[in-house]
Amino acid sequence: MSERSNALKKAQQKYMEKFSIARVRMEHDRYERVQAHAAAQGESVNGFINRAIDHEMERDSLRGPTEAAEGRGNISTP
């Protein structure tokens, strides 16, 4: 059984090597709102954040570098 356990650890490590980790800081109440929103969409917080990043990057590419850098069209957050 320990061989399976070691094999599983090796497979998980290999899988995780494909990823980088980005830490995001936010106040607890905001995190709770993000968590609730993600759950309502049927996804994890990680999945929601990645989807939001993809969405904003797509919007930025349509607007052009100057508009994106100036933050035009972005919604301010508290």
PDB file of N, CA and C in Angstrom:
ATOM      1  N   MET A   1       0.819  -1.195   0.000  1.00  0.00           N
ATOM      2  CA  MET A   1       0.000   0.000   0.000  1.00  0.00           C
ATOM      3  C   MET A   1       0.864   1.261   0.000  1.00  0.00           C
ATOM      4  N   SER A   2       2.033   1.202   0.612  1.00  0.00           N
ATOM      5  CA  SER A   2       2.891   2.382   0.635  1.00  0.00           C
ATOM      6  C   SER A   2       3.413   2.722  -0.754  1.00  0.00           C
ATOM      7  N   GLU A   3       3.554   1.692  -1.650  1.00  0.00           N
ATOM      8  CA  GLU A   3       3.983   1.980  -3.024  1.00  0.00           C
ATOM      9  C   GLU A   3       2.939   2.817  -3.742  1.00  0.00           C
ATOM     10  N   ARG A   4       1.683   2.464  -3.574  1.00  0.00           N
ATOM     11  CA  ARG A   4       0.603   3.255  -4.182  1.00  0.00           C
ATOM     12  C   ARG A   4       0.634   4.673  -3.627  1.00  0.00           C
ATOM     13  N   SER A   5       0.838   4.786  -2.344  1.00  0.00           N
ATOM     14  CA  SER A   5       0.906   6.084  -1.707  1.00  0.00           C
ATOM     15  C   SER A   5       2.077   6.900  -2.267  1.00  0.00           C
ATOM     16  N   ASN A   6       3.219   6.276  -2.424  1.00  0.00           N
ATOM     17  CA  ASN A   6       4.378   6.974  -2.998  1.00  0.00           C
ATOM     18  C   ASN A   6       4.138   7.311  -4.465  1.00  0.00           C
ATOM     19  N   ALA A   7       3.506   6.422  -5.189  1.00  0.00           N
ATOM     20  CA  ALA A   7       3.191   6.683  -6.590  1.00  0.00           C
ATOM     21  C   ALA A   7       2.207   7.839  -6.706  1.00  0.00           C
ATOM     22  N   LEU A   8       1.236   7.863  -5.815  1.00  0.00           N
ATOM     23  CA  LEU A   8       0.253   8.945  -5.819  1.00  0.00           C
ATOM     24  C   LEU A   8       0.929  10.279  -5.513  1.00  0.00           C
ATOM     25  N   LYS A   9       1.807  10.289  -4.527  1.00  0.00           N
ATOM     26  CA  LYS A   9       2.538  11.522  -4.191  1.00  0.00           C
ATOM     27  C   LYS A   9       3.353  12.008  -5.380  1.00  0.00           C
ATOM     28  N   LYS A  10       4.015  11.083  -6.069  1.00  0.00           N
ATOM     29  CA  LYS A  10       4.837  11.449  -7.228  1.00  0.00           C
ATOM     30  C   LYS A  10       3.964  12.020  -8.350  1.00  0.00           C
ATOM     31  N   ALA A  11       2.820  11.385  -8.583  1.00  0.00           N
ATOM     32  CA  ALA A  11       1.906  11.869  -9.624  1.00  0.00           C
ATOM     33  C   ALA A  11       1.365  13.255  -9.283  1.00  0.00           C
ATOM     34  N   GLN A  12       1.008  13.462  -8.023  1.00  0.00           N
ATOM     35  CA  GLN A  12       0.507  14.765  -7.602  1.00  0.00           C
ATOM     36  C   GLN A  12       1.580  15.834  -7.731  1.00  0.00           C
ATOM     37  N   GLN A  13       2.804  15.490  -7.351  1.00  0.00           N
ATOM     38  CA  GLN A  13       3.904  16.446  -7.463  1.00  0.00           C
ATOM     39  C   GLN A  13       4.149  16.824  -8.919  1.00  0.00           C
ATOM     40  N   LYS A  14       4.133  15.825  -9.810  1.00  0.00           N
ATOM     41  CA  LYS A  14       4.332  16.087 -11.234  1.00  0.00           C
ATOM     42  C   LYS A  14       3.225  16.997 -11.767  1.00  0.00           C
ATOM     43  N   TYR A  15       1.996  16.734 -11.348  1.00  0.00           N
ATOM     44  CA  TYR A  15       0.857  17.550 -11.768  1.00  0.00           C
ATOM     45  C   TYR A  15       1.020  18.994 -11.286  1.00  0.00           C
ATOM     46  N   MET A  16       1.386  19.171 -10.021  1.00  0.00           N
ATOM     47  CA  MET A  16       1.496  20.511  -9.449  1.00  0.00           C
ATOM     48  C   MET A  16       2.660  21.314 -10.031  1.00  0.00           C
ATOM     49  N   GLU A  17       3.652  20.652 -10.591  1.00  0.00           N
ATOM     50  CA  GLU A  17       4.789  21.352 -11.195  1.00  0.00           C
ATOM     51  C   GLU A  17       4.382  22.174 -12.408  1.00  0.00           C
ATOM     52  N   LYS A  18       3.201  21.900 -12.960  1.00  0.00           N
ATOM     53  CA  LYS A  18       2.711  22.652 -14.121  1.00  0.00           C
ATOM     54  C   LYS A  18       2.195  24.033 -13.737  1.00  0.00           C
ATOM     55  N   PHE A  19       2.012  24.278 -12.454  1.00  0.00           N
ATOM     56  CA  PHE A  19       1.350  25.491 -12.001  1.00  0.00           C
ATOM     57  C   PHE A  19       2.282  26.430 -11.250  1.00  0.00           C
ATOM     58  N   SER A  20       1.965  27.700 -11.299  1.00  0.00           N
ATOM     59  CA  SER A  20       2.575  28.711 -10.440  1.00  0.00           C
ATOM     60  C   SER A  20       1.504  29.135  -9.444  1.00  0.00           C
ATOM     61  N   ILE A  21       1.931  29.675  -8.334  1.00  0.00           N
ATOM     62  CA  ILE A  21       0.987  30.108  -7.312  1.00  0.00           C
ATOM     63  C   ILE A  21       1.030  31.625  -7.216  1.00  0.00           C
ATOM     64  N   ALA A  22      -0.142  32.239  -7.282  1.00  0.00           N
ATOM     65  CA  ALA A  22      -0.277  33.685  -7.107  1.00  0.00           C
ATOM     66  C   ALA A  22      -1.157  33.909  -5.889  1.00  0.00           C
ATOM     67  N   ARG A  23      -0.656  34.598  -4.919  1.00  0.00           N
ATOM     68  CA  ARG A  23      -1.453  34.869  -3.721  1.00  0.00           C
ATOM     69  C   ARG A  23      -2.190  36.182  -3.889  1.00  0.00           C
ATOM     70  N   VAL A  24      -3.426  36.188  -3.484  1.00  0.00           N
ATOM     71  CA  VAL A  24      -4.259  37.383  -3.578  1.00  0.00           C
ATOM     72  C   VAL A  24      -4.729  37.727  -2.172  1.00  0.00           C
ATOM     73  N   ARG A  25      -4.517  38.967  -1.775  1.00  0.00           N
ATOM     74  CA  ARG A  25      -4.977  39.403  -0.457  1.00  0.00           C
ATOM     75  C   ARG A  25      -6.239  40.224  -0.607  1.00  0.00           C
ATOM     76  N   MET A  26      -7.195  39.915   0.264  1.00  0.00           N
ATOM     77  CA  MET A  26      -8.422  40.699   0.313  1.00  0.00           C
ATOM     78  C   MET A  26      -8.998  40.578   1.706  1.00  0.00           C
ATOM     79  N   GLU A  27      -9.810  41.527   2.050  1.00  0.00           N
ATOM     80  CA  GLU A  27     -10.429  41.499   3.371  1.00  0.00           C
ATOM     81  C   GLU A  27     -11.368  40.304   3.468  1.00  0.00           C
ATOM     82  N   HIS A  28     -11.565  39.827   4.679  1.00  0.00           N
ATOM     83  CA  HIS A  28     -12.365  38.627   4.919  1.00  0.00           C
ATOM     84  C   HIS A  28     -13.771  38.732   4.327  1.00  0.00           C
ATOM     85  N   ASP A  29     -14.422  39.871   4.521  1.00  0.00           N
ATOM     86  CA  ASP A  29     -15.790  39.989   4.017  1.00  0.00           C
ATOM     87  C   ASP A  29     -15.825  39.940   2.491  1.00  0.00           C
ATOM     88  N   ARG A  30     -14.818  40.490   1.845  1.00  0.00           N
ATOM     89  CA  ARG A  30     -14.777  40.430   0.386  1.00  0.00           C
ATOM     90  C   ARG A  30     -14.546  38.987  -0.072  1.00  0.00           C
ATOM     91  N   TYR A  31     -13.652  38.291   0.610  1.00  0.00           N
ATOM     92  CA  TYR A  31     -13.404  36.889   0.267  1.00  0.00           C
ATOM     93  C   TYR A  31     -14.684  36.069   0.403  1.00  0.00           C
ATOM     94  N   GLU A  32     -15.435  36.329   1.450  1.00  0.00           N
ATOM     95  CA  GLU A  32     -16.692  35.603   1.643  1.00  0.00           C
ATOM     96  C   GLU A  32     -17.660  35.879   0.505  1.00  0.00           C
ATOM     97  N   ARG A  33     -17.692  37.133   0.027  1.00  0.00           N
ATOM     98  CA  ARG A  33     -18.561  37.462  -1.110  1.00  0.00           C
ATOM     99  C   ARG A  33     -18.082  36.763  -2.383  1.00  0.00           C
ATOM    100  N   VAL A  34     -16.770  36.743  -2.588  1.00  0.00           N
ATOM    101  CA  VAL A  34     -16.206  36.054  -3.752  1.00  0.00           C
ATOM    102  C   VAL A  34     -16.519  34.564  -3.678  1.00  0.00           C
ATOM    103  N   GLN A  35     -16.342  33.990  -2.497  1.00  0.00           N
ATOM    104  CA  GLN A  35     -16.597  32.573  -2.296  1.00  0.00           C
ATOM    105  C   GLN A  35     -18.070  32.235  -2.570  1.00  0.00           C
ATOM    106  N   ALA A  36     -18.965  33.061  -2.070  1.00  0.00           N
ATOM    107  CA  ALA A  36     -20.398  32.837  -2.291  1.00  0.00           C
ATOM    108  C   ALA A  36     -20.746  32.971  -3.774  1.00  0.00           C
ATOM    109  N   HIS A  37     -20.164  33.957  -4.435  1.00  0.00           N
ATOM    110  CA  HIS A  37     -20.426  34.154  -5.862  1.00  0.00           C
ATOM    111  C   HIS A  37     -19.924  32.959  -6.664  1.00  0.00           C
ATOM    112  N   ALA A  38     -18.714  32.528  -6.378  1.00  0.00           N
ATOM    113  CA  ALA A  38     -18.153  31.373  -7.089  1.00  0.00           C
ATOM    114  C   ALA A  38     -19.028  30.147  -6.883  1.00  0.00           C
ATOM    115  N   ALA A  39     -19.444  29.912  -5.661  1.00  0.00           N
ATOM    116  CA  ALA A  39     -20.303  28.759  -5.365  1.00  0.00           C
ATOM    117  C   ALA A  39     -21.616  28.856  -6.140  1.00  0.00           C
ATOM    118  N   ALA A  40     -22.183  30.047  -6.226  1.00  0.00           N
ATOM    119  CA  ALA A  40     -23.427  30.242  -6.957  1.00  0.00           C
ATOM    120  C   ALA A  40     -23.255  29.948  -8.452  1.00  0.00           C
ATOM    121  N   GLN A  41     -22.030  30.114  -8.943  1.00  0.00           N
ATOM    122  CA  GLN A  41     -21.733  29.831 -10.348  1.00  0.00           C
ATOM    123  C   GLN A  41     -21.317  28.376 -10.541  1.00  0.00           C
ATOM    124  N   GLY A  42     -21.237  27.634  -9.442  1.00  0.00           N
ATOM    125  CA  GLY A  42     -20.848  26.234  -9.520  1.00  0.00           C
ATOM    126  C   GLY A  42     -19.368  26.019  -9.726  1.00  0.00           C
ATOM    127  N   GLU A  43     -18.557  26.952  -9.215  1.00  0.00           N
ATOM    128  CA  GLU A  43     -17.113  26.823  -9.395  1.00  0.00           C
ATOM    129  C   GLU A  43     -16.378  27.145  -8.107  1.00  0.00           C
ATOM    130  N   SER A  44     -15.102  26.830  -8.089  1.00  0.00           N
ATOM    131  CA  SER A  44     -14.264  27.137  -6.941  1.00  0.00           C
ATOM    132  C   SER A  44     -13.832  28.597  -6.994  1.00  0.00           C
ATOM    133  N   VAL A  45     -13.304  29.093  -5.884  1.00  0.00           N
ATOM    134  CA  VAL A  45     -12.759  30.453  -5.867  1.00  0.00           C
ATOM    135  C   VAL A  45     -11.619  30.544  -6.882  1.00  0.00           C
ATOM    136  N   ASN A  46     -10.762  29.540  -6.922  1.00  0.00           N
ATOM    137  CA  ASN A  46      -9.655  29.523  -7.872  1.00  0.00           C
ATOM    138  C   ASN A  46     -10.176  29.581  -9.307  1.00  0.00           C
ATOM    139  N   GLY A  47     -11.177  28.783  -9.604  1.00  0.00           N
ATOM    140  CA  GLY A  47     -11.754  28.784 -10.942  1.00  0.00           C
ATOM    141  C   GLY A  47     -12.365  30.128 -11.297  1.00  0.00           C
ATOM    142  N   PHE A  48     -13.067  30.728 -10.338  1.00  0.00           N
ATOM    143  CA  PHE A  48     -13.673  32.042 -10.583  1.00  0.00           C
ATOM    144  C   PHE A  48     -12.605  33.100 -10.837  1.00  0.00           C
ATOM    145  N   ILE A  49     -11.567  33.114 -10.020  1.00  0.00           N
ATOM    146  CA  ILE A  49     -10.502  34.111 -10.192  1.00  0.00           C
ATOM    147  C   ILE A  49      -9.826  33.927 -11.550  1.00  0.00           C
ATOM    148  N   ASN A  50      -9.547  32.697 -11.946  1.00  0.00           N
ATOM    149  CA  ASN A  50      -8.936  32.459 -13.250  1.00  0.00           C
ATOM    150  C   ASN A  50      -9.860  32.893 -14.385  1.00  0.00           C
ATOM    151  N   ARG A  51     -11.154  32.643 -14.237  1.00  0.00           N
ATOM    152  CA  ARG A  51     -12.111  33.080 -15.261  1.00  0.00           C
ATOM    153  C   ARG A  51     -12.159  34.601 -15.340  1.00  0.00           C
ATOM    154  N   ALA A  52     -12.145  35.257 -14.183  1.00  0.00           N
ATOM    155  CA  ALA A  52     -12.170  36.727 -14.158  1.00  0.00           C
ATOM    156  C   ALA A  52     -10.910  37.300 -14.806  1.00  0.00           C
ATOM    157  N   ILE A  53      -9.768  36.688 -14.546  1.00  0.00           N
ATOM    158  CA  ILE A  53      -8.515  37.139 -15.164  1.00  0.00           C
ATOM    159  C   ILE A  53      -8.601  36.985 -16.680  1.00  0.00           C
ATOM    160  N   ASP A  54      -9.057  35.818 -17.142  1.00  0.00           N
ATOM    161  CA  ASP A  54      -9.192  35.606 -18.588  1.00  0.00           C
ATOM    162  C   ASP A  54     -10.117  36.642 -19.214  1.00  0.00           C
ATOM    163  N   HIS A  55     -11.228  36.921 -18.536  1.00  0.00           N
ATOM    164  CA  HIS A  55     -12.199  37.893 -19.034  1.00  0.00           C
ATOM    165  C   HIS A  55     -11.568  39.281 -19.162  1.00  0.00           C
ATOM    166  N   GLU A  56     -10.880  39.725 -18.134  1.00  0.00           N
ATOM    167  CA  GLU A  56     -10.267  41.060 -18.158  1.00  0.00           C
ATOM    168  C   GLU A  56      -9.140  41.145 -19.180  1.00  0.00           C
ATOM    169  N   MET A  57      -8.370  40.084 -19.322  1.00  0.00           N
ATOM    170  CA  MET A  57      -7.300  40.100 -20.323  1.00  0.00           C
ATOM    171  C   MET A  57      -7.874  40.192 -21.729  1.00  0.00           C
ATOM    172  N   GLU A  58      -8.981  39.497 -21.962  1.00  0.00           N
ATOM    173  CA  GLU A  58      -9.651  39.582 -23.256  1.00  0.00           C
ATOM    174  C   GLU A  58     -10.169  41.003 -23.499  1.00  0.00           C
ATOM    175  N   ARG A  59     -10.795  41.600 -22.485  1.00  0.00           N
ATOM    176  CA  ARG A  59     -11.284  42.982 -22.615  1.00  0.00           C
ATOM    177  C   ARG A  59     -10.138  43.942 -22.872  1.00  0.00           C
ATOM    178  N   ASP A  60      -9.040  43.766 -22.155  1.00  0.00           N
ATOM    179  CA  ASP A  60      -7.882  44.640 -22.352  1.00  0.00           C
ATOM    180  C   ASP A  60      -7.331  44.530 -23.764  1.00  0.00           C
ATOM    181  N   SER A  61      -7.299  43.327 -24.310  1.00  0.00           N
ATOM    182  CA  SER A  61      -6.757  43.160 -25.664  1.00  0.00           C
ATOM    183  C   SER A  61      -7.646  43.836 -26.699  1.00  0.00           C
ATOM    184  N   LEU A  62      -8.945  43.933 -26.428  1.00  0.00           N
ATOM    185  CA  LEU A  62      -9.861  44.598 -27.350  1.00  0.00           C
ATOM    186  C   LEU A  62      -9.759  46.118 -27.261  1.00  0.00           C
ATOM    187  N   ARG A  63      -9.406  46.630 -26.078  1.00  0.00           N
ATOM    188  CA  ARG A  63      -9.341  48.077 -25.868  1.00  0.00           C
ATOM    189  C   ARG A  63      -8.034  48.673 -26.332  1.00  0.00           C
ATOM    190  N   GLY A  64      -6.973  47.942 -26.280  1.00  0.00           N
ATOM    191  CA  GLY A  64      -5.667  48.476 -26.627  1.00  0.00           C
ATOM    192  C   GLY A  64      -4.888  48.838 -25.370  1.00  0.00           C
ATOM    193  N   PRO A  65      -3.564  48.906 -25.501  1.00  0.00           N
ATOM    194  CA  PRO A  65      -2.698  49.083 -24.327  1.00  0.00           C
ATOM    195  C   PRO A  65      -2.908  50.382 -23.555  1.00  0.00           C
ATOM    196  N   THR A  66      -3.155  51.492 -24.222  1.00  0.00           N
ATOM    197  CA  THR A  66      -3.299  52.766 -23.512  1.00  0.00           C
ATOM    198  C   THR A  66      -4.533  52.776 -22.636  1.00  0.00           C
ATOM    199  N   GLU A  67      -5.660  52.371 -23.195  1.00  0.00           N
ATOM    200  CA  GLU A  67      -6.899  52.342 -22.423  1.00  0.00           C
ATOM    201  C   GLU A  67      -6.813  51.361 -21.266  1.00  0.00           C
ATOM    202  N   ALA A  68      -6.231  50.210 -21.499  1.00  0.00           N
ATOM    203  CA  ALA A  68      -6.119  49.194 -20.452  1.00  0.00           C
ATOM    204  C   ALA A  68      -5.234  49.696 -19.323  1.00  0.00           C
ATOM    205  N   ALA A  69      -4.118  50.331 -19.655  1.00  0.00           N
ATOM    206  CA  ALA A  69      -3.189  50.829 -18.639  1.00  0.00           C
ATOM    207  C   ALA A  69      -3.823  51.942 -17.805  1.00  0.00           C
ATOM    208  N   GLU A  70      -4.684  52.730 -18.420  1.00  0.00           N
ATOM    209  CA  GLU A  70      -5.342  53.804 -17.702  1.00  0.00           C
ATOM    210  C   GLU A  70      -6.524  53.301 -16.898  1.00  0.00           C
ATOM    211  N   GLY A  71      -6.907  52.062 -17.082  1.00  0.00           N
ATOM    212  CA  GLY A  71      -7.984  51.483 -16.321  1.00  0.00           C
ATOM    213  C   GLY A  71      -9.369  51.925 -16.758  1.00  0.00           C
ATOM    214  N   ARG A  72      -9.487  52.417 -17.979  1.00  0.00           N
ATOM    215  CA  ARG A  72     -10.789  52.863 -18.460  1.00  0.00           C
ATOM    216  C   ARG A  72     -11.729  51.672 -18.567  1.00  0.00           C
ATOM    217  N   GLY A  73     -12.926  51.862 -18.103  1.00  0.00           N
ATOM    218  CA  GLY A  73     -13.918  50.822 -18.187  1.00  0.00           C
ATOM    219  C   GLY A  73     -13.901  49.859 -17.018  1.00  0.00           C
ATOM    220  N   ASN A  74     -12.911  49.966 -16.168  1.00  0.00           N
ATOM    221  CA  ASN A  74     -12.868  49.076 -15.001  1.00  0.00           C
ATOM    222  C   ASN A  74     -13.813  49.563 -13.931  1.00  0.00           C
ATOM    223  N   ILE A  75     -14.360  48.652 -13.213  1.00  0.00           N
ATOM    224  CA  ILE A  75     -15.251  48.988 -12.109  1.00  0.00           C
ATOM    225  C   ILE A  75     -14.393  49.105 -10.866  1.00  0.00           C
ATOM    226  N   SER A  76     -14.511  50.207 -10.150  1.00  0.00           N
ATOM    227  CA  SER A  76     -13.726  50.351  -8.925  1.00  0.00           C
ATOM    228  C   SER A  76     -14.300  49.458  -7.859  1.00  0.00           C
ATOM    229  N   THR A  77     -13.410  48.957  -7.006  1.00  0.00           N
ATOM    230  CA  THR A  77     -13.852  48.098  -5.921  1.00  0.00           C
ATOM    231  C   THR A  77     -13.494  48.729  -4.596  1.00  0.00           C
ATOM    232  N   PRO A  78     -14.324  48.492  -3.600  1.00  0.00           N
ATOM    233  CA  PRO A  78     -14.067  49.112  -2.302  1.00  0.00           C
ATOM    234  C   PRO A  78     -12.842  48.543  -1.629  1.00  0.00           C
TER     235      PRO A  78
END
